[in-house]
């Protein structure tokens, strides 16, 4: 039976079972639904409705005498209703609004971070703390073009090279100088390379690097060192890294008290290629993958709630959480969305 064939009564019973199971992490008997949720129907009607929902594939009965547990299909319908609420449809939760204290906490922890990597680290720490789930954020993805460079004197034989990408991300590298260079020389080479990056639209390629290296006669050694670092940065820039925080939070969930069940999830969260498959590409809006919708077998007892963060209006990375399918989706979606929006503002300001 299709979701739209569920009548209002069955939906009310299903929402009640989902809410109760999210709160208790135990199979939900019909008696509990009758006692705790004023649905205006008899216990017999609730039992009949739960039986019908089980036959439809929305509920599961672990044992003959046990209550019911929502299935992935039930959570998908529930989440679809939540997301549809933002487009004006009815919602099983009536929408979720973060408290002013939660919003203030997120903003205070992120707005002071001017370095993109620090902002991403703060974002996953904040999200892990608020949700008590493992939290993940990707670095701005591979098409990051370099916008300009800065050379800063450190010592007589060393200078700091700062590479600033189009999205605002900055990398720092220490240059060993063949001969001492004054602050004026470093500034002149910084301007030369930055003008060249502007001319090539930030696309650093081998042939254009050779032309850059041949441009300056008076700063040939210094420019050669900068070009060598640009080559290394270009090779590394195509890869996406992930910041992960709160991995041990998964062990707080009743579903993963058994270490044998938790171990595959913990191992998956430690593998960059798994995080890439589960989280990327960055979703245009908040995206929820539930249970078997995840492309990685080890994550199929989990749900992933993720949202893109943006710089200059362009999605450049993703932030999200990994938790059990028994998740308070309304609150989790609201937290992930607001944190992604705040992270976008922070990185755009740094840009």
Protein backbone atom coordinates (compact mmCIF):
# COMPACT_ATOMS: atom_id res chain seq x y z
CA UNK A 1 0.00 0.00 0.00
CA UNK A 2 1.30 3.43 -0.91
CA UNK A 3 1.86 6.18 1.65
CA UNK A 4 -0.98 8.30 0.27
CA UNK A 5 -3.36 5.38 0.96
CA UNK A 6 -2.80 5.71 4.70
CA UNK A 7 -5.88 7.26 6.27
CA UNK A 8 -5.62 9.96 8.93
CA UNK A 9 -6.23 7.52 11.79
CA UNK A 10 -3.43 5.18 10.74
CA UNK A 11 -1.08 8.14 10.33
CA UNK A 12 -1.89 9.33 13.86
CA UNK A 13 -1.18 5.86 15.24
CA UNK A 14 2.06 5.63 13.26
CA UNK A 15 3.27 9.06 14.45
CA UNK A 16 2.51 8.04 18.05
CA UNK A 17 4.51 4.81 17.70
CA UNK A 18 7.44 6.68 16.16
CA UNK A 19 7.49 9.33 18.88
CA UNK A 20 7.26 6.73 21.62
CA UNK A 21 9.95 4.52 20.12
CA UNK A 22 12.30 7.48 19.64
CA UNK A 23 11.81 8.34 23.33
CA UNK A 24 11.98 4.79 24.77
CA UNK A 25 14.07 2.73 22.34
CA UNK A 26 11.78 -0.20 23.16
CA UNK A 27 9.02 -1.88 21.13
CA UNK A 28 5.78 0.05 21.64
CA UNK A 29 2.65 -1.85 22.79
CA UNK A 30 -0.82 -0.69 21.76
CA UNK A 31 -1.67 -0.12 25.43
CA UNK A 32 1.04 2.55 25.71
CA UNK A 33 -0.27 4.34 22.61
CA UNK A 34 -3.80 4.31 24.07
CA UNK A 35 -2.69 5.57 27.50
CA UNK A 36 -0.24 8.29 26.41
CA UNK A 37 -1.67 9.63 23.15
CA UNK A 38 -5.23 11.07 23.10
CA UNK A 39 -6.21 9.78 19.66
CA UNK A 40 -9.92 9.56 20.52
CA UNK A 41 -10.22 5.89 19.56
CA UNK A 42 -10.58 2.62 21.47
CA UNK A 43 -7.73 0.24 22.37
CA UNK A 44 -9.17 -2.26 19.87
CA UNK A 45 -8.98 0.34 17.08
CA UNK A 46 -5.34 1.09 17.95
CA UNK A 47 -4.48 -2.63 17.94
CA UNK A 48 -6.19 -3.05 14.59
CA UNK A 49 -4.40 -0.01 13.17
CA UNK A 50 -0.99 -1.22 14.36
CA UNK A 51 -1.66 -4.65 12.85
CA UNK A 52 -2.57 -3.04 9.53
CA UNK A 53 0.55 -0.82 9.63
CA UNK A 54 2.66 -3.94 10.23
CA UNK A 55 1.17 -5.63 7.18
CA UNK A 56 1.85 -2.47 5.13
CA UNK A 57 5.53 -2.52 6.10
CA UNK A 58 5.53 0.56 8.36
CA UNK A 59 5.89 -1.33 11.64
CA UNK A 60 7.82 -4.41 12.66
CA UNK A 61 7.12 -6.82 15.52
CA UNK A 62 10.43 -8.26 16.81
CA UNK A 63 8.65 -11.07 18.74
CA UNK A 64 5.11 -12.39 18.80
CA UNK A 65 4.36 -10.94 22.25
CA UNK A 66 6.36 -7.71 21.72
CA UNK A 67 5.16 -4.27 20.75
CA UNK A 68 5.95 -2.62 17.41
CA UNK A 69 9.05 -0.88 16.07
CA UNK A 70 9.03 1.60 13.16
CA UNK A 71 10.71 0.43 9.94
CA UNK A 72 12.89 2.44 7.59
CA UNK A 73 9.79 2.93 5.45
CA UNK A 74 7.94 4.50 8.38
CA UNK A 75 10.80 6.88 9.11
CA UNK A 76 10.98 7.85 5.43
CA UNK A 77 7.29 8.77 5.39
CA UNK A 78 7.71 10.65 8.68
CA UNK A 79 10.74 12.63 7.42
CA UNK A 80 9.04 13.37 4.10
CA UNK A 81 6.12 14.85 6.04
CA UNK A 82 8.52 16.95 8.13
CA UNK A 83 10.25 18.34 5.05
CA UNK A 84 6.94 18.89 3.28
CA UNK A 85 5.82 21.02 6.24
CA UNK A 86 8.35 23.63 5.19
CA UNK A 87 6.55 23.87 1.89
CA UNK A 88 3.21 24.45 3.61
CA UNK A 89 1.98 20.90 4.12
CA UNK A 90 0.87 19.35 7.39
CA UNK A 91 3.62 18.07 9.67
CA UNK A 92 3.54 15.24 12.25
CA UNK A 93 5.47 17.53 14.61
CA UNK A 94 3.97 20.85 13.61
CA UNK A 95 7.50 22.02 12.73
CA UNK A 96 10.48 22.45 15.04
CA UNK A 97 12.06 25.70 16.14
CA UNK A 98 15.40 25.88 17.87
CA UNK A 99 15.37 27.80 21.12
CA UNK A 100 17.04 31.24 21.24
CA UNK A 101 19.66 29.72 23.57
CA UNK A 102 20.54 27.01 21.04
CA UNK A 103 20.79 29.52 18.20
CA UNK A 104 22.92 31.83 20.31
CA UNK A 105 25.23 28.98 21.31
CA UNK A 106 25.81 28.01 17.67
CA UNK A 107 26.41 31.59 16.53
CA UNK A 108 28.78 32.46 19.39
CA UNK A 109 30.92 29.40 18.76
CA UNK A 110 31.20 29.92 15.01
CA UNK A 111 31.26 33.65 14.31
CA UNK A 112 34.62 34.21 15.97
CA UNK A 113 36.35 31.66 13.72
CA UNK A 114 38.03 33.43 10.83
CA UNK A 115 40.13 30.49 9.56
CA UNK A 116 37.89 28.06 7.60
CA UNK A 117 39.46 24.92 9.06
CA UNK A 118 38.91 26.24 12.59
CA UNK A 119 35.30 27.05 11.74
CA UNK A 120 34.75 23.50 10.47
CA UNK A 121 36.30 22.00 13.59
CA UNK A 122 34.10 24.20 15.77
CA UNK A 123 31.05 23.27 13.70
CA UNK A 124 31.43 19.51 14.22
CA UNK A 125 32.24 19.95 17.92
CA UNK A 126 29.12 22.08 18.41
CA UNK A 127 26.89 19.72 16.46
CA UNK A 128 28.20 16.63 18.29
CA UNK A 129 27.57 18.36 21.62
CA UNK A 130 24.02 19.45 20.77
CA UNK A 131 22.87 16.19 19.15
CA UNK A 132 25.02 13.65 21.01
CA UNK A 133 25.68 11.95 17.68
CA UNK A 134 28.89 11.64 15.67
CA UNK A 135 29.19 14.79 13.55
CA UNK A 136 31.03 15.27 10.27
CA UNK A 137 32.01 18.18 8.01
CA UNK A 138 33.85 18.09 4.70
CA UNK A 139 36.48 20.59 3.68
CA UNK A 140 35.57 22.73 0.65
CA UNK A 141 35.64 20.36 -2.28
CA UNK A 142 38.18 19.98 -5.03
CA UNK A 143 37.29 22.78 -7.43
CA UNK A 144 38.73 25.30 -4.99
CA UNK A 145 40.63 27.79 -7.08
CA UNK A 146 43.44 29.82 -5.61
CA UNK A 147 42.66 33.51 -5.36
CA UNK A 148 45.85 35.07 -4.01
CA UNK A 149 49.00 34.42 -1.97
CA UNK A 150 50.83 36.20 0.83
CA UNK A 151 54.51 35.85 1.71
CA UNK A 152 55.34 36.79 5.29
CA UNK A 153 58.91 36.96 6.66
CA UNK A 154 59.64 34.48 9.46
CA UNK A 155 63.43 34.40 9.74
CA UNK A 156 66.43 35.20 7.61
CA UNK A 157 66.17 31.92 5.69
CA UNK A 158 62.44 31.26 5.98
CA UNK A 159 59.14 32.80 4.89
CA UNK A 160 55.52 31.82 5.46
CA UNK A 161 53.51 31.26 2.28
CA UNK A 162 49.74 31.68 2.73
CA UNK A 163 47.62 30.29 -0.11
CA UNK A 164 44.06 31.67 -0.10
CA UNK A 165 41.44 29.77 -2.09
CA UNK A 166 38.38 31.23 -3.77
CA UNK A 167 36.15 29.82 -1.02
CA UNK A 168 38.22 31.53 1.68
CA UNK A 169 40.11 28.43 2.84
CA UNK A 170 43.74 29.19 3.64
CA UNK A 171 46.79 26.92 3.64
CA UNK A 172 50.08 27.84 5.24
CA UNK A 173 53.45 26.51 4.13
CA UNK A 174 56.96 27.38 5.28
CA UNK A 175 59.45 28.24 2.51
CA UNK A 176 63.18 27.73 2.89
CA UNK A 177 64.88 30.64 1.14
CA UNK A 178 67.99 30.14 -0.98
CA UNK A 179 69.08 33.62 0.03
CA UNK A 180 67.66 36.19 2.48
CA UNK A 181 64.71 38.20 1.14
CA UNK A 182 63.46 41.51 2.46
CA UNK A 183 59.83 42.17 3.35
CA UNK A 184 59.62 44.37 0.23
CA UNK A 185 60.82 41.52 -2.00
CA UNK A 186 58.33 39.12 -0.44
CA UNK A 187 55.53 41.64 -0.98
CA UNK A 188 56.55 42.17 -4.61
CA UNK A 189 56.51 38.43 -5.35
CA UNK A 190 53.17 38.12 -3.53
CA UNK A 191 51.68 40.77 -5.85
CA UNK A 192 53.22 39.14 -8.93
CA UNK A 193 51.83 35.70 -8.15
CA UNK A 194 48.42 37.06 -7.08
CA UNK A 195 48.10 39.01 -10.35
CA UNK A 196 49.02 35.86 -12.26
CA UNK A 197 46.37 33.85 -10.36
CA UNK A 198 43.81 36.49 -11.28
CA UNK A 199 44.85 36.28 -14.93
CA UNK A 200 44.48 32.48 -15.05
CA UNK A 201 41.25 32.57 -12.96
CA UNK A 202 42.92 30.60 -10.19
CA UNK A 203 43.45 27.55 -12.39
CA UNK A 204 46.99 26.39 -11.57
CA UNK A 205 48.31 24.13 -14.34
CA UNK A 206 51.74 22.91 -15.33
CA UNK A 207 52.19 24.94 -18.50
CA UNK A 208 51.04 28.20 -16.92
CA UNK A 209 53.28 27.53 -13.91
CA UNK A 210 56.26 27.33 -16.24
CA UNK A 211 55.34 30.71 -17.71
CA UNK A 212 55.05 32.17 -14.21
CA UNK A 213 58.47 30.81 -13.22
CA UNK A 214 60.03 32.50 -16.23
CA UNK A 215 58.54 35.94 -15.54
CA UNK A 216 60.76 37.34 -12.79
CA UNK A 217 64.46 37.78 -13.32
CA UNK A 218 65.37 39.48 -10.06
CA UNK A 219 63.47 37.06 -7.79
CA UNK A 220 64.03 33.82 -9.69
CA UNK A 221 64.97 31.63 -6.69
CA UNK A 222 62.13 32.92 -4.53
CA UNK A 223 59.60 32.55 -7.32
CA UNK A 224 60.84 29.01 -8.04
CA UNK A 225 60.17 28.08 -4.39
CA UNK A 226 56.65 29.54 -4.59
CA UNK A 227 55.97 27.68 -7.85
CA UNK A 228 57.10 24.39 -6.26
CA UNK A 229 54.62 24.93 -3.42
CA UNK A 230 51.84 25.80 -5.87
CA UNK A 231 52.47 22.48 -7.62
CA UNK A 232 52.14 20.59 -4.33
CA UNK A 233 49.04 22.54 -3.34
CA UNK A 234 47.43 21.85 -6.72
CA UNK A 235 48.04 18.11 -6.36
CA UNK A 236 46.45 18.08 -2.89
CA UNK A 237 43.58 20.48 -3.56
CA UNK A 238 41.45 17.98 -5.45
CA UNK A 239 40.97 15.81 -2.36
CA UNK A 240 38.28 16.37 0.25
CA UNK A 241 39.00 15.75 3.92
CA UNK A 242 36.50 15.23 6.72
CA UNK A 243 36.46 16.56 10.25
CA UNK A 244 34.77 14.04 12.59
CA UNK A 245 33.81 14.67 16.20
CA UNK A 246 31.95 12.67 18.84
CA UNK A 247 32.43 9.20 17.34
CA UNK A 248 32.05 7.64 20.80
CA UNK A 249 28.56 9.19 20.99
CA UNK A 250 27.28 6.25 18.94
CA UNK A 251 27.95 4.02 21.96
CA UNK A 252 25.49 6.08 24.03
CA UNK A 253 22.62 4.90 21.83
CA UNK A 254 20.73 1.81 23.07
CA UNK A 255 20.91 0.25 19.59
CA UNK A 256 24.70 0.20 19.76
CA UNK A 257 25.27 -0.93 23.34
CA UNK A 258 26.33 -4.25 21.84
CA UNK A 259 29.88 -3.59 20.70
CA UNK A 260 29.52 -6.17 17.93
CA UNK A 261 26.81 -4.03 16.37
CA UNK A 262 28.66 -0.76 17.01
CA UNK A 263 32.04 -1.89 15.69
CA UNK A 264 31.20 -1.67 11.93
CA UNK A 265 29.79 1.85 12.39
CA UNK A 266 32.83 3.00 14.37
CA UNK A 267 35.13 1.57 11.70
CA UNK A 268 33.12 3.23 8.92
CA UNK A 269 33.34 6.64 10.61
CA UNK A 270 37.12 6.27 10.63
CA UNK A 271 37.35 5.80 6.85
CA UNK A 272 37.46 8.87 4.64
CA UNK A 273 36.20 7.00 1.57
CA UNK A 274 33.10 5.84 3.48
CA UNK A 275 32.32 9.37 4.64
CA UNK A 276 32.73 10.56 1.04
CA UNK A 277 30.25 7.95 -0.24
CA UNK A 278 27.71 8.66 2.51
CA UNK A 279 27.86 12.48 2.56
CA UNK A 280 28.84 13.64 -0.92
CA UNK A 281 27.89 15.26 -3.17
CA UNK A 282 26.67 18.12 -1.00
CA UNK A 283 22.84 18.13 -1.01
CA UNK A 284 21.10 21.27 -2.31
CA UNK A 285 18.99 21.33 0.86
CA UNK A 286 18.85 19.26 4.03
CA UNK A 287 19.15 15.63 3.01
CA UNK A 288 18.21 12.59 5.11
CA UNK A 289 19.37 9.07 4.29
CA UNK A 290 17.63 6.43 6.37
CA UNK A 291 18.92 2.94 7.05
CA UNK A 292 19.22 0.98 3.82
CA UNK A 293 19.14 4.16 1.76
CA UNK A 294 22.80 4.54 2.75
CA UNK A 295 25.15 3.24 0.03
CA UNK A 296 27.55 1.64 2.54
CA UNK A 297 26.46 -1.65 4.17
CA UNK A 298 28.14 -0.84 7.50
CA UNK A 299 25.97 2.28 7.81
CA UNK A 300 22.61 0.64 7.20
CA UNK A 301 21.60 0.68 10.86
CA UNK A 302 22.10 4.45 10.79
CA UNK A 303 20.53 7.59 9.44
CA UNK A 304 22.52 10.52 8.07
CA UNK A 305 21.19 14.08 8.23
CA UNK A 306 23.32 16.48 6.18
CA UNK A 307 23.17 19.96 4.67
CA UNK A 308 25.42 21.93 2.33
CA UNK A 309 27.29 24.99 3.49
CA UNK A 310 27.92 27.72 0.96
CA UNK A 311 30.42 30.42 0.10
CA UNK A 312 29.34 33.14 -2.30
CA UNK A 313 26.04 31.32 -2.84
CA UNK A 314 27.81 28.16 -4.08
CA UNK A 315 27.67 24.85 -2.19
CA UNK A 316 31.28 23.98 -1.33
CA UNK A 317 30.97 21.38 1.43
CA UNK A 318 28.65 19.47 3.70
CA UNK A 319 28.03 19.18 7.44
CA UNK A 320 25.90 16.58 9.15
CA UNK A 321 25.37 13.89 11.78
CA UNK A 322 25.29 10.09 11.83
CA UNK A 323 22.93 8.47 14.31
CA UNK A 324 20.54 5.56 14.75
CA UNK A 325 17.45 5.38 12.55
CA UNK A 326 15.58 5.99 15.84
CA UNK A 327 16.34 9.68 15.75
CA UNK A 328 14.38 12.82 16.73
CA UNK A 329 14.37 13.93 13.12
CA UNK A 330 12.60 17.26 13.52
CA UNK A 331 15.13 18.59 16.03
CA UNK A 332 18.13 17.05 14.25
CA UNK A 333 17.11 18.52 10.89
CA UNK A 334 16.61 21.95 12.47
CA UNK A 335 20.05 21.83 14.15
CA UNK A 336 21.90 20.69 11.03
CA UNK A 337 20.16 23.28 8.87
CA UNK A 338 20.85 26.18 11.22
CA UNK A 339 24.46 25.18 11.77
CA UNK A 340 25.02 24.91 7.99
CA UNK A 341 23.50 28.37 7.51
CA UNK A 342 25.68 29.86 10.26
CA UNK A 343 28.78 28.15 8.88
CA UNK A 344 27.96 29.60 5.44
CA UNK A 345 27.76 33.10 6.92
CA UNK A 346 31.02 32.62 8.80
CA UNK A 347 32.99 31.37 5.78
CA UNK A 348 31.49 33.97 3.44
CA UNK A 349 32.54 36.72 5.84
CA UNK A 350 36.06 35.26 6.01
CA UNK A 351 36.10 35.25 2.22
